[in-house]
Amino acid sequence: MKVVLIGMIMIVQTSGGCAAIAAAQQAARLEEEQTARSCAEGDPQACLRQANRLRDRSRYYASSPRDDEAMLDSYRRACDGGLLEACLAARELFAIHHADSEEPLRFAVASCRLGHTYSCSDAMRMTTVPDARADLARRLCGLSPEGCPTGISLLLQTDRNAATALGQEVCATNDRLGE
């Protein structure tokens, strides 16, 4: 008896092993095709599965530029569907593959909006738009009292008035909570 693992399917190989392996490969191909269809139809979880599969495949085999773009597109779709894991992965991969584009900032902002505090400060470091920096600092303060000084400090570098106003808001909120 032999155990063979293909994708996420485990086969216990006995007699007629080649047929069982071929059947498992066919099942894996069908599952990949169904995942791709579901992603194309807007299922963010399917897009995340597809992106992760392409990422895992690229770790072990040489990937083509087409596969890399498909992976990035799948992470983009999953992030747009509200999946934090996809936004974080997209941020990392776009920083590697398309560092000169606006995409890393886009995914840092999306991750921040989904509650990832480090992404808020990361996005603040990437953007030069004052209103966007102020919004990110305010969001960071709302997510994490420990992260708030970082947000105010980063905002202070470009907009002293907005940083002062945010600091006063935080102090007033803390005073109300302390009453």
Protein backbone atom coordinates (compact mmCIF):
# COMPACT_ATOMS: atom_id res chain seq x y z
CA MET A 1 0.00 0.00 0.00
CA LYS A 2 1.27 3.49 -0.85
CA VAL A 3 -0.12 6.89 0.21
CA VAL A 4 0.09 9.65 -2.38
CA LEU A 5 -0.78 13.29 -1.70
CA ILE A 6 -1.82 15.34 -4.74
CA GLY A 7 -2.98 18.85 -3.99
CA MET A 8 -5.44 18.45 -1.15
CA ILE A 9 -6.44 14.90 -2.09
CA MET A 10 -4.87 11.91 -0.39
CA ILE A 11 -4.97 8.62 -2.24
CA VAL A 12 -4.22 5.26 -0.76
CA GLN A 13 -2.64 3.46 -3.65
CA THR A 14 -3.18 -0.25 -3.92
CA SER A 15 -3.43 -2.18 -7.13
CA GLY A 16 -4.19 -0.13 -10.24
CA GLY A 17 -2.22 2.85 -8.86
CA CYS A 18 -1.78 4.68 -12.17
CA ALA A 19 -5.54 4.94 -12.68
CA ALA A 20 -6.00 6.27 -9.15
CA ILE A 21 -3.31 8.89 -9.65
CA ALA A 22 -4.80 9.94 -12.98
CA ALA A 23 -8.23 10.22 -11.34
CA ALA A 24 -6.79 12.35 -8.53
CA GLN A 25 -5.04 14.64 -11.03
CA GLN A 26 -8.27 15.02 -12.96
CA ALA A 27 -10.16 15.81 -9.73
CA ALA A 28 -7.53 18.44 -8.84
CA ARG A 29 -7.83 20.03 -12.31
CA LEU A 30 -11.61 20.13 -12.01
CA GLU A 31 -11.37 21.71 -8.57
CA GLU A 32 -8.96 24.36 -9.93
CA GLU A 33 -11.33 25.11 -12.82
CA GLN A 34 -14.31 25.42 -10.43
CA THR A 35 -12.30 27.74 -8.17
CA ALA A 36 -11.34 29.89 -11.16
CA ARG A 37 -14.98 30.10 -12.28
CA SER A 38 -16.15 31.01 -8.79
CA CYS A 39 -13.49 33.71 -8.56
CA ALA A 40 -14.49 35.12 -11.95
CA GLU A 41 -18.09 35.21 -10.69
CA GLY A 42 -17.02 37.33 -7.70
CA ASP A 43 -16.49 34.87 -4.83
CA PRO A 44 -13.65 36.43 -2.77
CA GLN A 45 -12.92 33.16 -0.92
CA ALA A 46 -12.45 31.38 -4.25
CA CYS A 47 -10.15 34.16 -5.42
CA LEU A 48 -8.09 33.80 -2.25
CA ARG A 49 -7.86 30.01 -2.74
CA GLN A 50 -6.82 30.52 -6.36
CA ALA A 51 -4.20 33.14 -5.47
CA ASN A 52 -2.76 31.00 -2.68
CA ARG A 53 -2.60 27.98 -5.00
CA LEU A 54 -0.74 30.01 -7.63
CA ARG A 55 1.59 31.42 -4.95
CA ASP A 56 2.32 27.95 -3.57
CA ARG A 57 2.93 26.60 -7.04
CA SER A 58 5.37 29.45 -7.79
CA ARG A 59 7.38 28.54 -4.69
CA TYR A 60 8.15 25.08 -6.02
CA TYR A 61 8.10 25.54 -9.78
CA ALA A 62 9.16 28.30 -12.11
CA SER A 63 6.12 30.49 -12.62
CA SER A 64 5.29 32.36 -15.78
CA PRO A 65 4.57 36.10 -15.87
CA ARG A 66 1.00 35.12 -16.80
CA ASP A 67 0.68 33.04 -13.60
CA ASP A 68 2.17 35.89 -11.56
CA GLU A 69 -0.35 38.35 -12.99
CA ALA A 70 -3.18 35.86 -12.40
CA MET A 71 -2.05 35.50 -8.78
CA LEU A 72 -1.93 39.28 -8.28
CA ASP A 73 -5.33 39.69 -9.93
CA SER A 74 -6.83 36.97 -7.70
CA TYR A 75 -5.46 38.63 -4.56
CA ARG A 76 -6.81 41.99 -5.83
CA ARG A 77 -10.29 40.49 -6.30
CA ALA A 78 -10.21 38.81 -2.88
CA CYS A 79 -9.08 42.04 -1.21
CA ASP A 80 -11.79 44.00 -3.00
CA GLY A 81 -14.16 41.39 -1.52
CA GLY A 82 -13.08 42.40 1.99
CA LEU A 83 -10.59 39.65 2.90
CA LEU A 84 -7.77 41.07 5.04
CA GLU A 85 -5.45 38.13 4.33
CA ALA A 86 -5.71 38.87 0.62
CA CYS A 87 -5.07 42.60 1.09
CA LEU A 88 -1.93 41.89 3.11
CA ALA A 89 -0.65 39.37 0.57
CA ALA A 90 -1.46 41.74 -2.32
CA ARG A 91 0.36 44.60 -0.57
CA GLU A 92 3.46 42.45 -0.15
CA LEU A 93 3.44 41.07 -3.69
CA PHE A 94 2.68 44.36 -5.39
CA ALA A 95 5.52 45.97 -3.44
CA ILE A 96 7.82 43.33 -4.98
CA HIS A 97 6.40 43.12 -8.51
CA HIS A 98 5.01 46.64 -9.03
CA ALA A 99 6.74 48.83 -6.46
CA ASP A 100 6.52 51.90 -8.69
CA SER A 101 2.71 51.72 -8.94
CA GLU A 102 0.02 53.01 -6.59
CA GLU A 103 -1.07 49.42 -5.83
CA PRO A 104 1.01 48.91 -2.64
CA LEU A 105 -0.60 52.05 -1.16
CA ARG A 106 -4.05 50.91 -2.29
CA PHE A 107 -3.68 47.60 -0.47
CA ALA A 108 -2.16 49.18 2.64
CA VAL A 109 -5.19 51.50 2.84
CA ALA A 110 -7.57 48.56 2.27
CA SER A 111 -5.82 46.58 5.03
CA CYS A 112 -6.07 49.58 7.35
CA ARG A 113 -9.79 49.90 6.64
CA LEU A 114 -10.16 46.22 7.50
CA GLY A 115 -8.57 46.84 10.92
CA HIS A 116 -4.86 46.10 10.43
CA THR A 117 -3.11 48.80 12.49
CA TYR A 118 0.39 48.41 11.03
CA SER A 119 -1.07 48.95 7.56
CA CYS A 120 -2.49 52.30 8.69
CA SER A 121 0.92 53.64 9.66
CA ASP A 122 2.47 51.98 6.60
CA ALA A 123 -0.05 53.72 4.33
CA MET A 124 0.61 57.03 6.09
CA ARG A 125 4.29 56.68 5.23
CA MET A 126 3.45 56.01 1.56
CA THR A 127 0.93 58.76 0.86
CA THR A 128 1.57 62.46 0.48
CA VAL A 129 -2.10 63.47 0.33
CA PRO A 130 -2.81 65.47 3.54
CA ASP A 131 -6.50 64.52 3.86
CA ALA A 132 -5.67 60.85 3.33
CA ARG A 133 -2.94 60.99 5.99
CA ALA A 134 -5.35 62.63 8.44
CA ASP A 135 -8.01 59.98 7.73
CA LEU A 136 -5.47 57.18 8.23
CA ALA A 137 -4.21 58.73 11.49
CA ARG A 138 -7.78 59.05 12.77
CA ARG A 139 -8.47 55.42 11.81
CA LEU A 140 -5.25 54.29 13.52
CA CYS A 141 -6.24 56.10 16.72
CA GLY A 142 -9.65 54.44 16.58
CA LEU A 143 -8.13 50.99 16.10
CA SER A 144 -5.38 51.16 18.68
CA PRO A 145 -4.72 53.54 21.57
CA GLU A 146 -1.10 52.32 21.45
CA GLY A 147 -0.84 53.18 17.75
CA CYS A 148 -2.37 56.62 18.11
CA PRO A 149 0.87 58.43 19.06
CA THR A 150 2.49 56.96 15.92
CA GLY A 151 -0.39 58.21 13.79
CA ILE A 152 -0.22 61.69 15.29
CA SER A 153 3.56 61.76 14.94
CA LEU A 154 3.40 60.77 11.26
CA LEU A 155 0.66 63.32 10.64
CA LEU A 156 2.70 65.99 12.39
CA GLN A 157 5.40 65.61 9.72
CA THR A 158 3.09 67.00 7.03
CA ASP A 159 0.14 68.72 8.71
CA ARG A 160 0.75 70.30 12.08
CA ASN A 161 -2.83 71.65 12.39
CA ALA A 162 -4.46 68.29 11.63
CA ALA A 163 -2.10 66.55 14.09
CA THR A 164 -2.92 69.08 16.80
CA ALA A 165 -6.66 68.74 16.16
CA LEU A 166 -6.46 64.95 16.29
CA GLY A 167 -4.44 65.07 19.49
CA GLN A 168 -7.07 67.35 21.05
CA GLU A 169 -9.86 64.99 19.91
CA VAL A 170 -8.07 62.04 21.51
CA CYS A 171 -7.51 63.95 24.75
CA ALA A 172 -11.15 65.07 24.88
CA THR A 173 -12.33 61.51 24.28
CA ASN A 174 -10.02 60.20 27.00
CA ASP A 175 -11.27 62.90 29.40
CA ARG A 176 -14.91 61.92 28.69
CA LEU A 177 -14.10 58.24 29.24
CA GLY A 178 -12.31 59.06 32.49
CA GLU A 179 -15.33 60.90 33.96
